[in-house]
């Protein structure tokens, strides 16, 4: 099933141009996309649950707090694999004009480069905000990898390695589809969640979730899950006010 939102001209191709069918056709198409989005988000959210529960069955002593780095790796891997699989099956990413092996290989290399740069960017930002530079470097980089899987990887799945498209989507009124709007919401929720998660760390509570970077990673995951729920709901209730420009 392909629900590519950037092919909405097919909706009007069988009707004379004198008819104003956009107000009829687009809401139907959007309802279809919103349902597909809600289903895909439910699958992605379940991957976080499975990444938390399944390892506990096979690994003795596995827990979010006690083996936090292992949990981070489990969630990062599960979210990454499921995101790529879901968006590939739905055909959400922008269609490529070239289908040569060399061009596809070039896109793959650029995507990997973007992921690496994103990890380094998040690591640098977190350190600048007060994370230990040398001590707990592995924990800090693991948080950066998690944030990359929740934000940058999703951008690559929806927009591809296209910097101009990324700038457009995250600029004001830059969304051109419901998936672009969903991307804005989930990325913002993930980053804000990680930021809010840092507030309890300096408090003298001596809780296990105050150990670096437990609260930040939990905040980012909770924010991400919140975005997965909020995005289709917000788009559904505001679909009459949303206006997207066709490419």
Protein backbone atom coordinates (compact mmCIF):
# COMPACT_ATOMS: atom_id res chain seq x y z
CA UNK A 1 0.00 0.00 0.00
CA UNK A 2 1.48 3.31 -1.04
CA UNK A 3 0.11 6.41 0.61
CA UNK A 4 2.65 8.88 -0.70
CA UNK A 5 1.12 12.30 0.14
CA UNK A 6 3.07 14.04 -2.57
CA UNK A 7 1.03 12.48 -5.39
CA UNK A 8 -2.21 14.23 -4.71
CA UNK A 9 -2.59 15.35 -8.36
CA UNK A 10 -3.81 11.80 -9.13
CA UNK A 11 -6.91 12.65 -7.16
CA UNK A 12 -7.99 15.23 -9.72
CA UNK A 13 -6.69 13.71 -12.96
CA UNK A 14 -9.99 12.18 -14.08
CA UNK A 15 -12.09 15.32 -13.63
CA UNK A 16 -12.38 18.48 -15.72
CA UNK A 17 -10.37 21.41 -14.44
CA UNK A 18 -13.53 23.50 -14.19
CA UNK A 19 -14.77 21.43 -11.24
CA UNK A 20 -13.63 22.44 -7.78
CA UNK A 21 -13.11 19.00 -6.27
CA UNK A 22 -10.20 19.86 -3.99
CA UNK A 23 -12.44 20.52 -0.99
CA UNK A 24 -14.00 17.06 -1.51
CA UNK A 25 -11.00 15.00 -2.48
CA UNK A 26 -8.31 16.21 -0.10
CA UNK A 27 -10.26 15.56 3.16
CA UNK A 28 -10.88 11.98 1.99
CA UNK A 29 -7.22 11.55 1.12
CA UNK A 30 -6.14 13.10 4.42
CA UNK A 31 -8.41 10.78 6.41
CA UNK A 32 -6.75 7.85 4.67
CA UNK A 33 -3.29 9.21 5.44
CA UNK A 34 -4.19 9.99 9.06
CA UNK A 35 -5.36 6.41 9.56
CA UNK A 36 -2.15 5.12 7.98
CA UNK A 37 -0.16 7.47 10.20
CA UNK A 38 -1.96 6.35 13.36
CA UNK A 39 -1.35 2.70 12.48
CA UNK A 40 2.32 3.26 11.72
CA UNK A 41 2.79 5.27 14.90
CA UNK A 42 1.19 2.48 16.93
CA UNK A 43 3.64 -0.01 15.43
CA UNK A 44 6.60 2.27 16.15
CA UNK A 45 5.42 2.89 19.72
CA UNK A 46 5.05 -0.85 20.28
CA UNK A 47 8.68 -1.30 19.24
CA UNK A 48 9.73 0.82 22.25
CA UNK A 49 7.63 -1.40 24.51
CA UNK A 50 9.07 -4.57 22.99
CA UNK A 51 12.62 -3.22 23.27
CA UNK A 52 12.01 -2.76 26.99
CA UNK A 53 10.17 -6.00 27.75
CA UNK A 54 11.75 -8.64 25.50
CA UNK A 55 15.39 -8.22 26.68
CA UNK A 56 14.20 -8.61 30.29
CA UNK A 57 13.02 -12.12 29.40
CA UNK A 58 16.41 -13.25 28.07
CA UNK A 59 18.89 -11.10 30.02
CA UNK A 60 19.05 -11.56 33.76
CA UNK A 61 19.01 -8.30 35.68
CA UNK A 62 17.96 -6.22 32.68
CA UNK A 63 16.25 -2.97 33.67
CA UNK A 64 15.90 0.58 32.46
CA UNK A 65 17.97 1.88 35.39
CA UNK A 66 20.35 -0.96 36.22
CA UNK A 67 21.44 -1.70 32.65
CA UNK A 68 20.62 1.67 31.13
CA UNK A 69 23.18 1.57 28.31
CA UNK A 70 21.84 -1.80 27.21
CA UNK A 71 18.29 -0.44 27.31
CA UNK A 72 19.39 2.59 25.27
CA UNK A 73 20.93 0.31 22.65
CA UNK A 74 17.82 -1.87 22.57
CA UNK A 75 15.42 1.05 22.11
CA UNK A 76 17.65 2.78 19.56
CA UNK A 77 17.98 -0.36 17.46
CA UNK A 78 14.28 -1.24 17.64
CA UNK A 79 13.07 2.26 16.78
CA UNK A 80 15.55 2.56 13.91
CA UNK A 81 14.67 -0.77 12.30
CA UNK A 82 10.91 -0.35 12.69
CA UNK A 83 10.93 3.25 11.42
CA UNK A 84 12.85 2.31 8.28
CA UNK A 85 10.64 -0.73 7.64
CA UNK A 86 7.34 1.09 8.22
CA UNK A 87 8.14 4.14 6.09
CA UNK A 88 9.58 1.97 3.33
CA UNK A 89 6.45 -0.20 3.24
CA UNK A 90 4.16 2.85 3.22
CA UNK A 91 6.23 4.61 0.55
CA UNK A 92 6.26 7.89 2.44
CA UNK A 93 9.69 9.12 1.37
CA UNK A 94 10.00 11.46 -1.58
CA UNK A 95 10.14 9.61 -4.93
CA UNK A 96 13.56 9.70 -6.53
CA UNK A 97 13.93 10.91 -10.10
CA UNK A 98 16.81 8.56 -10.76
CA UNK A 99 16.71 4.81 -10.25
CA UNK A 100 20.31 3.90 -11.02
CA UNK A 101 22.30 1.86 -8.54
CA UNK A 102 24.91 4.61 -8.32
CA UNK A 103 22.31 7.22 -7.37
CA UNK A 104 20.73 4.98 -4.73
CA UNK A 105 24.16 4.20 -3.33
CA UNK A 106 24.92 7.92 -3.20
CA UNK A 107 21.70 8.54 -1.23
CA UNK A 108 22.61 5.75 1.17
CA UNK A 109 26.09 7.16 1.76
CA UNK A 110 24.70 10.67 2.32
CA UNK A 111 22.10 9.32 4.74
CA UNK A 112 24.79 7.52 6.76
CA UNK A 113 26.87 10.71 6.78
CA UNK A 114 23.88 12.73 8.04
CA UNK A 115 23.32 10.21 10.83
CA UNK A 116 26.97 10.41 11.89
CA UNK A 117 26.96 14.21 11.82
CA UNK A 118 23.72 14.21 13.81
CA UNK A 119 25.27 12.03 16.52
CA UNK A 120 28.27 14.36 16.75
CA UNK A 121 25.98 17.41 16.79
CA UNK A 122 23.79 16.10 19.61
CA UNK A 123 26.85 14.98 21.58
CA UNK A 124 28.39 18.44 21.27
CA UNK A 125 25.17 20.21 22.25
CA UNK A 126 24.66 17.98 25.29
CA UNK A 127 28.25 18.61 26.44
CA UNK A 128 27.81 22.36 25.97
CA UNK A 129 24.72 22.16 28.17
CA UNK A 130 26.78 20.70 31.01
CA UNK A 131 27.24 16.97 30.39
CA UNK A 132 30.65 15.53 31.38
CA UNK A 133 33.19 15.89 28.57
CA UNK A 134 35.44 12.94 29.43
CA UNK A 135 33.67 11.13 32.24
CA UNK A 136 30.54 9.26 31.09
CA UNK A 137 31.44 9.99 27.45
CA UNK A 138 29.95 6.67 26.36
CA UNK A 139 26.68 7.45 28.11
CA UNK A 140 26.56 10.90 26.52
CA UNK A 141 27.21 9.54 23.04
CA UNK A 142 24.58 6.82 23.57
CA UNK A 143 22.06 9.57 24.33
CA UNK A 144 23.15 11.37 21.15
CA UNK A 145 22.61 8.18 19.14
CA UNK A 146 19.16 7.76 20.68
CA UNK A 147 18.19 11.34 19.80
CA UNK A 148 19.45 10.76 16.27
CA UNK A 149 17.26 7.68 15.89
CA UNK A 150 14.22 9.58 17.18
CA UNK A 151 14.71 12.71 15.07
CA UNK A 152 17.25 12.61 12.24
CA UNK A 153 16.45 9.08 11.11
CA UNK A 154 12.77 9.98 10.91
CA UNK A 155 13.65 13.03 8.80
CA UNK A 156 15.61 10.78 6.45
CA UNK A 157 12.70 8.33 6.22
CA UNK A 158 10.22 11.08 5.31
CA UNK A 159 12.33 13.61 3.39
CA UNK A 160 15.45 11.73 2.36
CA UNK A 161 18.94 13.28 2.47
CA UNK A 162 17.65 16.62 1.22
CA UNK A 163 18.82 19.54 3.34
CA UNK A 164 16.58 22.02 1.49
CA UNK A 165 13.52 19.90 2.31
CA UNK A 166 14.55 19.72 5.97
CA UNK A 167 14.94 23.50 6.17
CA UNK A 168 11.56 23.95 4.47
CA UNK A 169 9.71 21.58 6.82
CA UNK A 170 11.11 23.14 9.98
CA UNK A 171 10.54 26.70 8.82
CA UNK A 172 7.30 28.52 9.50
CA UNK A 173 4.38 27.16 7.41
CA UNK A 174 6.82 24.86 5.62
CA UNK A 175 4.86 21.61 5.89
CA UNK A 176 3.51 20.32 2.58
CA UNK A 177 1.81 17.16 3.83
CA UNK A 178 0.39 15.58 6.95
CA UNK A 179 3.61 13.61 7.25
CA UNK A 180 5.63 16.83 7.32
CA UNK A 181 3.42 18.10 10.14
CA UNK A 182 3.83 14.81 11.98
CA UNK A 183 7.59 15.13 11.58
CA UNK A 184 7.54 18.61 13.11
CA UNK A 185 5.56 17.40 16.12
CA UNK A 186 7.52 14.22 16.87
CA UNK A 187 10.94 15.87 16.50
CA UNK A 188 9.93 18.79 18.72
CA UNK A 189 8.48 16.49 21.39
CA UNK A 190 11.61 14.31 21.42
CA UNK A 191 14.01 17.24 21.84
CA UNK A 192 11.83 19.02 24.41
CA UNK A 193 11.45 15.75 26.35
CA UNK A 194 15.23 15.31 26.54
CA UNK A 195 15.62 18.92 27.65
CA UNK A 196 12.98 18.62 30.37
CA UNK A 197 14.56 15.38 31.52
CA UNK A 198 17.72 17.24 32.52
CA UNK A 199 15.99 19.34 35.18
CA UNK A 200 15.80 16.69 37.96
CA UNK A 201 19.49 15.67 37.62
CA UNK A 202 21.01 18.30 39.98
CA UNK A 203 18.32 17.82 42.64
CA UNK A 204 19.48 16.06 45.81
CA UNK A 205 16.99 13.22 45.70
CA UNK A 206 19.41 10.29 45.20
CA UNK A 207 17.04 8.49 42.86
CA UNK A 208 18.33 5.88 40.38
CA UNK A 209 16.76 7.74 37.47
CA UNK A 210 18.85 10.83 38.30
CA UNK A 211 22.05 9.10 37.18
CA UNK A 212 23.31 10.54 33.90
CA UNK A 213 21.74 10.23 31.33
CA UNK A 214 18.74 8.22 32.54
CA UNK A 215 16.28 11.08 32.98
CA UNK A 216 17.24 12.71 29.66
CA UNK A 217 16.90 9.50 27.68
CA UNK A 218 13.62 8.67 29.40
CA UNK A 219 12.41 12.20 28.71
CA UNK A 220 13.29 11.94 25.02
CA UNK A 221 11.56 8.56 24.66
CA UNK A 222 8.47 9.74 26.54
CA UNK A 223 8.44 12.89 24.43
CA UNK A 224 8.76 10.80 21.28
CA UNK A 225 5.88 8.54 22.30
CA UNK A 226 3.83 11.62 23.14
CA UNK A 227 4.54 13.02 19.69
CA UNK A 228 3.46 9.76 18.06
CA UNK A 229 0.09 10.03 19.82
CA UNK A 230 -0.39 13.79 19.50
CA UNK A 231 0.55 14.12 15.82
CA UNK A 232 -2.32 12.16 14.18
CA UNK A 233 -4.80 13.44 16.78
CA UNK A 234 -3.80 17.09 16.24
CA UNK A 235 -3.86 16.73 12.45
CA UNK A 236 -7.27 15.04 12.59
CA UNK A 237 -8.89 17.78 14.68
CA UNK A 238 -7.25 20.59 12.66
CA UNK A 239 -7.51 19.07 9.17
CA UNK A 240 -10.06 21.66 8.04
CA UNK A 241 -7.69 24.49 8.94
CA UNK A 242 -4.60 22.89 7.42
CA UNK A 243 -3.66 24.05 3.95
CA UNK A 244 -0.77 22.42 2.15
CA UNK A 245 0.82 23.71 -1.00
CA UNK A 246 1.45 21.17 -3.70
CA UNK A 247 4.93 20.79 -5.06
